Amino acid sequence: PELLTKLPITLELAVVSMLIGLGLGLVMAIIKMKKIRVLTQITNLL
């Protein structure tokens, strides 16, 4: 029960991080598919 009091923080952190990952991942995936020269190299390195 005492551990569960902090579960909302864990879930909130996971959901927000997932949304950030999805947004940035979608942008990087489109850059790689479009093969934009400079941006593709930066994306691959990142």
All heavy atoms as atom14 arrays in JSON, in Angstrom:
{
  "sequence": "PELLTKLPITLELAVVSMLIGLGLGLVMAIIKMKKIRVLTQITNLL",
  "atom14_mask": [
    [1, 1, 1, 1, 1, 1, 1, 0, 0, 0, 0, 0, 0, 0],
    [1, 1, 1, 1, 1, 1, 1, 1, 1, 0, 0, 0, 0, 0],
    [1, 1, 1, 1, 1, 1, 1, 1, 0, 0, 0, 0, 0, 0],
    [1, 1, 1, 1, 1, 1, 1, 1, 0, 0, 0, 0, 0, 0],
    [1, 1, 1, 1, 1, 1, 1, 0, 0, 0, 0, 0, 0, 0],
    [1, 1, 1, 1, 1, 1, 1, 1, 1, 0, 0, 0, 0, 0],
    [1, 1, 1, 1, 1, 1, 1, 1, 0, 0, 0, 0, 0, 0],
    [1, 1, 1, 1, 1, 1, 1, 0, 0, 0, 0, 0, 0, 0],
    [1, 1, 1, 1, 1, 1, 1, 1, 0, 0, 0, 0, 0, 0],
    [1, 1, 1, 1, 1, 1, 1, 0, 0, 0, 0, 0, 0, 0],
    [1, 1, 1, 1, 1, 1, 1, 1, 0, 0, 0, 0, 0, 0],
    [1, 1, 1, 1, 1, 1, 1, 1, 1, 0, 0, 0, 0, 0],
    [1, 1, 1, 1, 1, 1, 1, 1, 0, 0, 0, 0, 0, 0],
    [1, 1, 1, 1, 1, 0, 0, 0, 0, 0, 0, 0, 0, 0],
    [1, 1, 1, 1, 1, 1, 1, 0, 0, 0, 0, 0, 0, 0],
    [1, 1, 1, 1, 1, 1, 1, 0, 0, 0, 0, 0, 0, 0],
    [1, 1, 1, 1, 1, 1, 0, 0, 0, 0, 0, 0, 0, 0],
    [1, 1, 1, 1, 1, 1, 1, 1, 0, 0, 0, 0, 0, 0],
    [1, 1, 1, 1, 1, 1, 1, 1, 0, 0, 0, 0, 0, 0],
    [1, 1, 1, 1, 1, 1, 1, 1, 0, 0, 0, 0, 0, 0],
    [1, 1, 1, 1, 0, 0, 0, 0, 0, 0, 0, 0, 0, 0],
    [1, 1, 1, 1, 1, 1, 1, 1, 0, 0, 0, 0, 0, 0],
    [1, 1, 1, 1, 0, 0, 0, 0, 0, 0, 0, 0, 0, 0],
    [1, 1, 1, 1, 1, 1, 1, 1, 0, 0, 0, 0, 0, 0],
    [1, 1, 1, 1, 0, 0, 0, 0, 0, 0, 0, 0, 0, 0],
    [1, 1, 1, 1, 1, 1, 1, 1, 0, 0, 0, 0, 0, 0],
    [1, 1, 1, 1, 1, 1, 1, 0, 0, 0, 0, 0, 0, 0],
    [1, 1, 1, 1, 1, 1, 1, 1, 0, 0, 0, 0, 0, 0],
    [1, 1, 1, 1, 1, 0, 0, 0, 0, 0, 0, 0, 0, 0],
    [1, 1, 1, 1, 1, 1, 1, 1, 0, 0, 0, 0, 0, 0],
    [1, 1, 1, 1, 1, 1, 1, 1, 0, 0, 0, 0, 0, 0],
    [1, 1, 1, 1, 1, 1, 1, 1, 1, 0, 0, 0, 0, 0],
    [1, 1, 1, 1, 1, 1, 1, 1, 0, 0, 0, 0, 0, 0],
    [1, 1, 1, 1, 1, 1, 1, 1, 1, 0, 0, 0, 0, 0],
    [1, 1, 1, 1, 1, 1, 1, 1, 1, 0, 0, 0, 0, 0],
    [1, 1, 1, 1, 1, 1, 1, 1, 0, 0, 0, 0, 0, 0],
    [1, 1, 1, 1, 1, 1, 1, 1, 1, 1, 1, 0, 0, 0],
    [1, 1, 1, 1, 1, 1, 1, 0, 0, 0, 0, 0, 0, 0],
    [1, 1, 1, 1, 1, 1, 1, 1, 0, 0, 0, 0, 0, 0],
    [1, 1, 1, 1, 1, 1, 1, 0, 0, 0, 0, 0, 0, 0],
    [1, 1, 1, 1, 1, 1, 1, 1, 1, 0, 0, 0, 0, 0],
    [1, 1, 1, 1, 1, 1, 1, 1, 0, 0, 0, 0, 0, 0],
    [1, 1, 1, 1, 1, 1, 1, 0, 0, 0, 0, 0, 0, 0],
    [1, 1, 1, 1, 1, 1, 1, 1, 0, 0, 0, 0, 0, 0],
    [1, 1, 1, 1, 1, 1, 1, 1, 0, 0, 0, 0, 0, 0],
    [1, 1, 1, 1, 1, 1, 1, 1, 0, 0, 0, 0, 0, 0]
  ],
  "atom14_positions": [
    [[0.81, -1.23, 0.0], [0.0, 0.0, 0.0], [0.84, 1.28, 0.0], [0.51, 2.24, -0.71], [-0.84, -0.13, 1.28], [-0.91, -1.59, 1.53], [0.41, -2.14, 1.09], [0.0, 0.0, 0.0], [0.0, 0.0, 0.0], [0.0, 0.0, 0.0], [0.0, 0.0, 0.0], [0.0, 0.0, 0.0], [0.0, 0.0, 0.0], [0.0, 0.0, 0.0]],
    [[1.92, 1.3, 0.77], [2.77, 2.5, 0.81], [3.51, 2.69, -0.51], [3.71, 3.82, -0.96], [3.76, 2.39, 1.97], [4.54, 3.66, 2.23], [5.4, 3.6, 3.47], [5.32, 2.58, 4.21], [6.18, 4.54, 3.69], [0.0, 0.0, 0.0], [0.0, 0.0, 0.0], [0.0, 0.0, 0.0], [0.0, 0.0, 0.0], [0.0, 0.0, 0.0]],
    [[3.91, 1.61, -1.14], [4.57, 1.71, -2.44], [3.61, 2.21, -3.51], [4.0, 2.98, -4.39], [5.14, 0.35, -2.84], [6.32, -0.18, -2.02], [6.61, -1.63, -2.38], [7.56, 0.67, -2.25], [0.0, 0.0, 0.0], [0.0, 0.0, 0.0], [0.0, 0.0, 0.0], [0.0, 0.0, 0.0], [0.0, 0.0, 0.0], [0.0, 0.0, 0.0]],
    [[2.35, 1.79, -3.43], [1.36, 2.18, -4.44], [1.06, 3.67, -4.43], [0.55, 4.2, -5.42], [0.07, 1.38, -4.23], [0.12, -0.1, -4.61], [-1.19, -0.79, -4.25], [0.43, -0.28, -6.09], [0.0, 0.0, 0.0], [0.0, 0.0, 0.0], [0.0, 0.0, 0.0], [0.0, 0.0, 0.0], [0.0, 0.0, 0.0], [0.0, 0.0, 0.0]],
    [[1.37, 4.35, -3.35], [1.15, 5.8, -3.31], [2.02, 6.53, -4.34], [1.69, 7.65, -4.75], [1.44, 6.37, -1.9], [2.82, 6.11, -1.57], [0.53, 5.74, -0.86], [0.0, 0.0, 0.0], [0.0, 0.0, 0.0], [0.0, 0.0, 0.0], [0.0, 0.0, 0.0], [0.0, 0.0, 0.0], [0.0, 0.0, 0.0], [0.0, 0.0, 0.0]],
    [[3.13, 5.91, -4.74], [4.03, 6.52, -5.72], [3.83, 5.96, -7.12], [4.53, 6.37, -8.05], [5.49, 6.31, -5.29], [5.83, 6.91, -3.95], [5.61, 8.42, -3.92], [5.96, 9.01, -2.56], [5.72, 10.48, -2.53], [0.0, 0.0, 0.0], [0.0, 0.0, 0.0], [0.0, 0.0, 0.0], [0.0, 0.0, 0.0], [0.0, 0.0, 0.0]],
    [[2.89, 5.02, -7.27], [2.64, 4.44, -8.6], [2.16, 5.49, -9.61], [2.57, 5.45, -10.77], [1.63, 3.3, -8.5], [1.3, 2.57, -9.81], [2.56, 1.96, -10.42], [0.25, 1.48, -9.57], [0.0, 0.0, 0.0], [0.0, 0.0, 0.0], [0.0, 0.0, 0.0], [0.0, 0.0, 0.0], [0.0, 0.0, 0.0], [0.0, 0.0, 0.0]],
    [[1.29, 6.45, -9.23], [0.9, 7.49, -10.2], [2.09, 8.25, -10.78], [2.08, 8.6, -11.97], [-0.01, 8.41, -9.38], [-0.58, 7.54, -8.32], [0.53, 6.58, -7.97], [0.0, 0.0, 0.0], [0.0, 0.0, 0.0], [0.0, 0.0, 0.0], [0.0, 0.0, 0.0], [0.0, 0.0, 0.0], [0.0, 0.0, 0.0], [0.0, 0.0, 0.0]],
    [[3.11, 8.5, -9.97], [4.3, 9.2, -10.48], [5.01, 8.33, -11.51], [5.45, 8.82, -12.57], [5.25, 9.56, -9.32], [4.57, 10.52, -8.35], [6.56, 10.15, -9.85], [5.39, 10.85, -7.12], [0.0, 0.0, 0.0], [0.0, 0.0, 0.0], [0.0, 0.0, 0.0], [0.0, 0.0, 0.0], [0.0, 0.0, 0.0], [0.0, 0.0, 0.0]],
    [[5.12, 7.04, -11.22], [5.75, 6.11, -12.16], [4.99, 6.08, -13.49], [5.59, 6.17, -14.56], [5.8, 4.7, -11.55], [6.68, 4.7, -10.43], [6.31, 3.68, -12.57], [0.0, 0.0, 0.0], [0.0, 0.0, 0.0], [0.0, 0.0, 0.0], [0.0, 0.0, 0.0], [0.0, 0.0, 0.0], [0.0, 0.0, 0.0], [0.0, 0.0, 0.0]],
    [[3.67, 5.97, -13.42], [2.86, 5.89, -14.64], [2.87, 7.21, -15.4], [2.93, 7.22, -16.64], [1.42, 5.51, -14.28], [1.23, 4.11, -13.68], [-0.22, 3.87, -13.31], [1.7, 3.03, -14.65], [0.0, 0.0, 0.0], [0.0, 0.0, 0.0], [0.0, 0.0, 0.0], [0.0, 0.0, 0.0], [0.0, 0.0, 0.0], [0.0, 0.0, 0.0]],
    [[2.82, 8.33, -14.68], [2.86, 9.64, -15.34], [4.18, 9.81, -16.08], [4.21, 10.27, -17.23], [2.68, 10.75, -14.31], [2.68, 12.15, -14.92], [2.57, 13.24, -13.87], [2.48, 12.91, -12.66], [2.58, 14.42, -14.25], [0.0, 0.0, 0.0], [0.0, 0.0, 0.0], [0.0, 0.0, 0.0], [0.0, 0.0, 0.0], [0.0, 0.0, 0.0]],
    [[5.27, 9.45, -15.43], [6.58, 9.56, -16.05], [6.68, 8.67, -17.28], [7.23, 9.06, -18.32], [7.66, 9.2, -15.03], [9.12, 9.3, -15.49], [9.44, 10.7, -15.97], [10.05, 8.91, -14.35], [0.0, 0.0, 0.0], [0.0, 0.0, 0.0], [0.0, 0.0, 0.0], [0.0, 0.0, 0.0], [0.0, 0.0, 0.0], [0.0, 0.0, 0.0]],
    [[6.12, 7.46, -17.19], [6.16, 6.52, -18.32], [5.34, 7.03, -19.5], [5.78, 6.97, -20.65], [5.66, 5.15, -17.87], [0.0, 0.0, 0.0], [0.0, 0.0, 0.0], [0.0, 0.0, 0.0], [0.0, 0.0, 0.0], [0.0, 0.0, 0.0], [0.0, 0.0, 0.0], [0.0, 0.0, 0.0], [0.0, 0.0, 0.0], [0.0, 0.0, 0.0]],
    [[4.14, 7.55, -19.22], [3.26, 8.02, -20.3], [3.86, 9.23, -21.01], [3.9, 9.29, -22.24], [1.86, 8.36, -19.74], [1.02, 9.07, -20.79], [1.15, 7.09, -19.28], [0.0, 0.0, 0.0], [0.0, 0.0, 0.0], [0.0, 0.0, 0.0], [0.0, 0.0, 0.0], [0.0, 0.0, 0.0], [0.0, 0.0, 0.0], [0.0, 0.0, 0.0]],
    [[4.34, 10.2, -20.23], [4.93, 11.41, -20.83], [6.17, 11.05, -21.63], [6.37, 11.55, -22.76], [5.27, 12.44, -19.74], [6.0, 13.63, -20.35], [4.0, 12.92, -19.03], [0.0, 0.0, 0.0], [0.0, 0.0, 0.0], [0.0, 0.0, 0.0], [0.0, 0.0, 0.0], [0.0, 0.0, 0.0], [0.0, 0.0, 0.0], [0.0, 0.0, 0.0]],
    [[7.01, 10.18, -21.1], [8.23, 9.76, -21.82], [7.87, 9.02, -23.1], [8.53, 9.2, -24.14], [9.09, 8.87, -20.92], [9.47, 9.55, -19.74], [0.0, 0.0, 0.0], [0.0, 0.0, 0.0], [0.0, 0.0, 0.0], [0.0, 0.0, 0.0], [0.0, 0.0, 0.0], [0.0, 0.0, 0.0], [0.0, 0.0, 0.0], [0.0, 0.0, 0.0]],
    [[6.82, 8.21, -23.05], [6.37, 7.48, -24.24], [5.9, 8.45, -25.32], [6.22, 8.29, -26.5], [5.24, 6.53, -23.86], [4.72, 5.67, -24.99], [5.9, 4.37, -25.41], [4.97, 3.44, -26.64], [0.0, 0.0, 0.0], [0.0, 0.0, 0.0], [0.0, 0.0, 0.0], [0.0, 0.0, 0.0], [0.0, 0.0, 0.0], [0.0, 0.0, 0.0]],
    [[5.15, 9.48, -24.92], [4.65, 10.46, -25.89], [5.8, 11.24, -26.52], [5.79, 11.49, -27.73], [3.67, 11.41, -25.21], [2.34, 10.8, -24.75], [1.51, 11.82, -23.99], [1.55, 10.24, -25.93], [0.0, 0.0, 0.0], [0.0, 0.0, 0.0], [0.0, 0.0, 0.0], [0.0, 0.0, 0.0], [0.0, 0.0, 0.0], [0.0, 0.0, 0.0]],
    [[6.78, 11.61, -25.7], [7.96, 12.3, -26.24], [8.7, 11.39, -27.21], [9.1, 11.8, -28.31], [8.9, 12.74, -25.09], [8.25, 13.83, -24.25], [10.24, 13.24, -25.65], [9.03, 14.2, -23.01], [0.0, 0.0, 0.0], [0.0, 0.0, 0.0], [0.0, 0.0, 0.0], [0.0, 0.0, 0.0], [0.0, 0.0, 0.0], [0.0, 0.0, 0.0]],
    [[8.88, 10.13, -26.82], [9.56, 9.18, -27.69], [8.83, 8.96, -29.0], [9.45, 8.89, -30.06], [0.0, 0.0, 0.0], [0.0, 0.0, 0.0], [0.0, 0.0, 0.0], [0.0, 0.0, 0.0], [0.0, 0.0, 0.0], [0.0, 0.0, 0.0], [0.0, 0.0, 0.0], [0.0, 0.0, 0.0], [0.0, 0.0, 0.0], [0.0, 0.0, 0.0]],
    [[7.5, 8.87, -28.94], [6.7, 8.68, -30.16], [6.81, 9.88, -31.09], [6.99, 9.73, -32.3], [5.24, 8.43, -29.8], [4.86, 7.02, -29.34], [3.44, 7.0, -28.82], [5.03, 6.02, -30.48], [0.0, 0.0, 0.0], [0.0, 0.0, 0.0], [0.0, 0.0, 0.0], [0.0, 0.0, 0.0], [0.0, 0.0, 0.0], [0.0, 0.0, 0.0]],
    [[6.69, 11.08, -30.51], [6.76, 12.29, -31.33], [8.1, 12.45, -32.01], [8.17, 12.64, -33.24], [0.0, 0.0, 0.0], [0.0, 0.0, 0.0], [0.0, 0.0, 0.0], [0.0, 0.0, 0.0], [0.0, 0.0, 0.0], [0.0, 0.0, 0.0], [0.0, 0.0, 0.0], [0.0, 0.0, 0.0], [0.0, 0.0, 0.0], [0.0, 0.0, 0.0]],
    [[9.16, 12.36, -31.25], [10.51, 12.5, -31.82], [10.83, 11.32, -32.75], [11.46, 11.51, -33.79], [11.55, 12.58, -30.71], [11.5, 13.84, -29.83], [12.52, 13.73, -28.7], [11.75, 15.09, -30.66], [0.0, 0.0, 0.0], [0.0, 0.0, 0.0], [0.0, 0.0, 0.0], [0.0, 0.0, 0.0], [0.0, 0.0, 0.0], [0.0, 0.0, 0.0]],
    [[10.38, 10.12, -32.36], [10.64, 8.95, -33.19], [9.97, 9.05, -34.55], [10.54, 8.66, -35.57], [0.0, 0.0, 0.0], [0.0, 0.0, 0.0], [0.0, 0.0, 0.0], [0.0, 0.0, 0.0], [0.0, 0.0, 0.0], [0.0, 0.0, 0.0], [0.0, 0.0, 0.0], [0.0, 0.0, 0.0], [0.0, 0.0, 0.0], [0.0, 0.0, 0.0]],
    [[8.74, 9.58, -34.56], [8.02, 9.76, -35.83], [8.76, 10.74, -36.73], [8.92, 10.49, -37.94], [6.59, 10.24, -35.56], [5.73, 10.55, -36.79], [5.55, 9.31, -37.65], [4.37, 11.09, -36.37], [0.0, 0.0, 0.0], [0.0, 0.0, 0.0], [0.0, 0.0, 0.0], [0.0, 0.0, 0.0], [0.0, 0.0, 0.0], [0.0, 0.0, 0.0]],
    [[9.21, 11.85, -36.15], [9.95, 12.85, -36.93], [11.23, 12.23, -37.5], [11.53, 12.39, -38.7], [10.29, 14.08, -36.06], [11.22, 15.02, -36.81], [9.01, 14.81, -35.66], [0.0, 0.0, 0.0], [0.0, 0.0, 0.0], [0.0, 0.0, 0.0], [0.0, 0.0, 0.0], [0.0, 0.0, 0.0], [0.0, 0.0, 0.0], [0.0, 0.0, 0.0]],
    [[11.97, 11.51, -36.68], [13.23, 10.92, -37.15], [12.97, 9.83, -38.19], [13.75, 9.68, -39.14], [14.01, 10.35, -35.96], [14.59, 11.43, -35.05], [15.79, 10.82, -33.83], [14.69, 9.96, -32.69], [0.0, 0.0, 0.0], [0.0, 0.0, 0.0], [0.0, 0.0, 0.0], [0.0, 0.0, 0.0], [0.0, 0.0, 0.0], [0.0, 0.0, 0.0]],
    [[11.88, 9.07, -38.02], [11.56, 8.02, -39.0], [11.23, 8.63, -40.36], [11.68, 8.13, -41.4], [10.37, 7.19, -38.49], [0.0, 0.0, 0.0], [0.0, 0.0, 0.0], [0.0, 0.0, 0.0], [0.0, 0.0, 0.0], [0.0, 0.0, 0.0], [0.0, 0.0, 0.0], [0.0, 0.0, 0.0], [0.0, 0.0, 0.0], [0.0, 0.0, 0.0]],
    [[10.46, 9.73, -40.36], [10.11, 10.38, -41.62], [11.36, 10.98, -42.29], [11.52, 10.89, -43.51], [9.05, 11.47, -41.38], [7.73, 10.81, -40.96], [8.83, 12.31, -42.63], [6.66, 11.79, -40.54], [0.0, 0.0, 0.0], [0.0, 0.0, 0.0], [0.0, 0.0, 0.0], [0.0, 0.0, 0.0], [0.0, 0.0, 0.0], [0.0, 0.0, 0.0]],
    [[12.25, 11.56, -41.49], [13.5, 12.12, -42.03], [14.32, 11.02, -42.71], [14.86, 11.21, -43.81], [14.32, 12.79, -40.91], [13.66, 14.09, -40.47], [15.75, 13.07, -41.38], [14.29, 14.73, -39.26], [0.0, 0.0, 0.0], [0.0, 0.0, 0.0], [0.0, 0.0, 0.0], [0.0, 0.0, 0.0], [0.0, 0.0, 0.0], [0.0, 0.0, 0.0]],
    [[14.39, 9.84, -42.06], [15.17, 8.74, -42.64], [14.5, 8.21, -43.91], [15.19, 7.86, -44.88], [15.33, 7.62, -41.62], [16.24, 7.97, -40.45], [16.58, 6.76, -39.61], [17.46, 5.79, -40.36], [17.96, 4.69, -39.52], [0.0, 0.0, 0.0], [0.0, 0.0, 0.0], [0.0, 0.0, 0.0], [0.0, 0.0, 0.0], [0.0, 0.0, 0.0]],
    [[13.17, 8.15, -43.92], [12.47, 7.65, -45.1], [12.58, 8.62, -46.27], [12.69, 8.2, -47.42], [11.0, 7.38, -44.76], [10.78, 6.19, -43.84], [9.04, 5.94, -43.44], [8.36, 5.53, -45.05], [0.0, 0.0, 0.0], [0.0, 0.0, 0.0], [0.0, 0.0, 0.0], [0.0, 0.0, 0.0], [0.0, 0.0, 0.0], [0.0, 0.0, 0.0]],
    [[12.53, 9.91, -45.97], [12.63, 10.93, -47.02], [14.08, 11.13, -47.49], [14.31, 11.76, -48.53], [12.07, 12.25, -46.51], [10.56, 12.27, -46.37], [9.89, 12.15, -47.72], [8.39, 12.24, -47.62], [7.74, 12.13, -48.96], [0.0, 0.0, 0.0], [0.0, 0.0, 0.0], [0.0, 0.0, 0.0], [0.0, 0.0, 0.0], [0.0, 0.0, 0.0]],
    [[15.04, 10.61, -46.69], [16.47, 10.69, -47.03], [16.92, 12.12, -47.26], [17.57, 12.44, -48.27], [16.78, 9.82, -48.25], [16.52, 8.34, -48.01], [16.83, 7.5, -49.22], [16.56, 6.02, -48.93], [16.82, 5.16, -50.11], [0.0, 0.0, 0.0], [0.0, 0.0, 0.0], [0.0, 0.0, 0.0], [0.0, 0.0, 0.0], [0.0, 0.0, 0.0]],
    [[16.53, 12.99, -46.31], [17.0, 14.38, -46.36], [18.47, 14.38, -45.96], [18.82, 13.97, -44.86], [16.16, 15.25, -45.4], [14.67, 15.1, -45.73], [16.59, 16.71, -45.46], [13.74, 15.75, -44.74], [0.0, 0.0, 0.0], [0.0, 0.0, 0.0], [0.0, 0.0, 0.0], [0.0, 0.0, 0.0], [0.0, 0.0, 0.0], [0.0, 0.0, 0.0]],
    [[19.33, 14.87, -46.83], [20.77, 14.61, -46.75], [21.38, 14.91, -45.38], [21.81, 14.0, -44.67], [21.49, 15.41, -47.84], [22.97, 15.08, -47.95], [23.61, 15.83, -49.09], [22.97, 15.48, -50.36], [23.24, 16.1, -51.51], [24.1, 17.1, -51.53], [22.63, 15.72, -52.62], [0.0, 0.0, 0.0], [0.0, 0.0, 0.0], [0.0, 0.0, 0.0]],
    [[21.42, 16.16, -44.98], [22.09, 16.53, -43.73], [21.32, 16.02, -42.52], [21.9, 15.47, -41.58], [22.26, 18.06, -43.65], [22.91, 18.46, -42.32], [23.09, 18.57, -44.83], [0.0, 0.0, 0.0], [0.0, 0.0, 0.0], [0.0, 0.0, 0.0], [0.0, 0.0, 0.0], [0.0, 0.0, 0.0], [0.0, 0.0, 0.0], [0.0, 0.0, 0.0]],
    [[20.01, 16.18, -42.55], [19.18, 15.76, -41.41], [19.25, 14.25, -41.19], [19.21, 13.78, -40.05], [17.73, 16.19, -41.62], [17.46, 17.7, -41.55], [15.98, 17.98, -41.79], [17.9, 18.27, -40.21], [0.0, 0.0, 0.0], [0.0, 0.0, 0.0], [0.0, 0.0, 0.0], [0.0, 0.0, 0.0], [0.0, 0.0, 0.0], [0.0, 0.0, 0.0]],
    [[19.35, 13.49, -42.27], [19.45, 12.03, -42.14], [20.73, 11.62, -41.42], [20.73, 10.73, -40.56], [19.39, 11.35, -43.53], [18.16, 11.68, -44.16], [19.49, 9.84, -43.41], [0.0, 0.0, 0.0], [0.0, 0.0, 0.0], [0.0, 0.0, 0.0], [0.0, 0.0, 0.0], [0.0, 0.0, 0.0], [0.0, 0.0, 0.0], [0.0, 0.0, 0.0]],
    [[21.82, 12.28, -41.75], [23.1, 11.97, -41.09], [23.05, 12.32, -39.6], [23.52, 11.56, -38.75], [24.23, 12.73, -41.78], [24.48, 12.27, -43.22], [25.5, 13.14, -43.93], [25.89, 14.19, -43.43], [25.94, 12.7, -45.1], [0.0, 0.0, 0.0], [0.0, 0.0, 0.0], [0.0, 0.0, 0.0], [0.0, 0.0, 0.0], [0.0, 0.0, 0.0]],
    [[22.46, 13.47, -39.29], [22.32, 13.88, -37.89], [21.41, 12.9, -37.15], [21.69, 12.49, -36.01], [21.76, 15.31, -37.79], [22.76, 16.31, -38.39], [21.45, 15.67, -36.34], [22.23, 17.72, -38.51], [0.0, 0.0, 0.0], [0.0, 0.0, 0.0], [0.0, 0.0, 0.0], [0.0, 0.0, 0.0], [0.0, 0.0, 0.0], [0.0, 0.0, 0.0]],
    [[20.32, 12.5, -37.8], [19.37, 11.56, -37.19], [20.02, 10.21, -36.93], [19.84, 9.62, -35.86], [18.13, 11.38, -38.1], [17.49, 12.65, -38.26], [17.15, 10.4, -37.49], [0.0, 0.0, 0.0], [0.0, 0.0, 0.0], [0.0, 0.0, 0.0], [0.0, 0.0, 0.0], [0.0, 0.0, 0.0], [0.0, 0.0, 0.0], [0.0, 0.0, 0.0]],
    [[20.78, 9.71, -37.9], [21.47, 8.42, -37.72], [22.45, 8.48, -36.55], [22.55, 7.54, -35.76], [22.2, 8.03, -39.0], [21.26, 7.6, -40.1], [20.15, 7.12, -39.82], [21.68, 7.74, -41.34], [0.0, 0.0, 0.0], [0.0, 0.0, 0.0], [0.0, 0.0, 0.0], [0.0, 0.0, 0.0], [0.0, 0.0, 0.0], [0.0, 0.0, 0.0]],
    [[23.16, 9.59, -36.44], [24.11, 9.75, -35.33], [23.38, 9.8, -34.0], [23.8, 9.16, -33.02], [24.93, 11.04, -35.54], [25.92, 11.39, -34.42], [26.99, 10.3, -34.29], [26.57, 12.75, -34.69], [0.0, 0.0, 0.0], [0.0, 0.0, 0.0], [0.0, 0.0, 0.0], [0.0, 0.0, 0.0], [0.0, 0.0, 0.0], [0.0, 0.0, 0.0]],
    [[22.26, 10.53, -33.94], [21.49, 10.66, -32.7], [20.9, 9.31, -32.28], [20.96, 8.94, -31.11], [20.37, 11.69, -32.89], [19.51, 12.0, -31.67], [20.37, 12.53, -30.53], [18.42, 12.99, -32.02], [0.0, 0.0, 0.0], [0.0, 0.0, 0.0], [0.0, 0.0, 0.0], [0.0, 0.0, 0.0], [0.0, 0.0, 0.0], [0.0, 0.0, 0.0]]
  ]
}
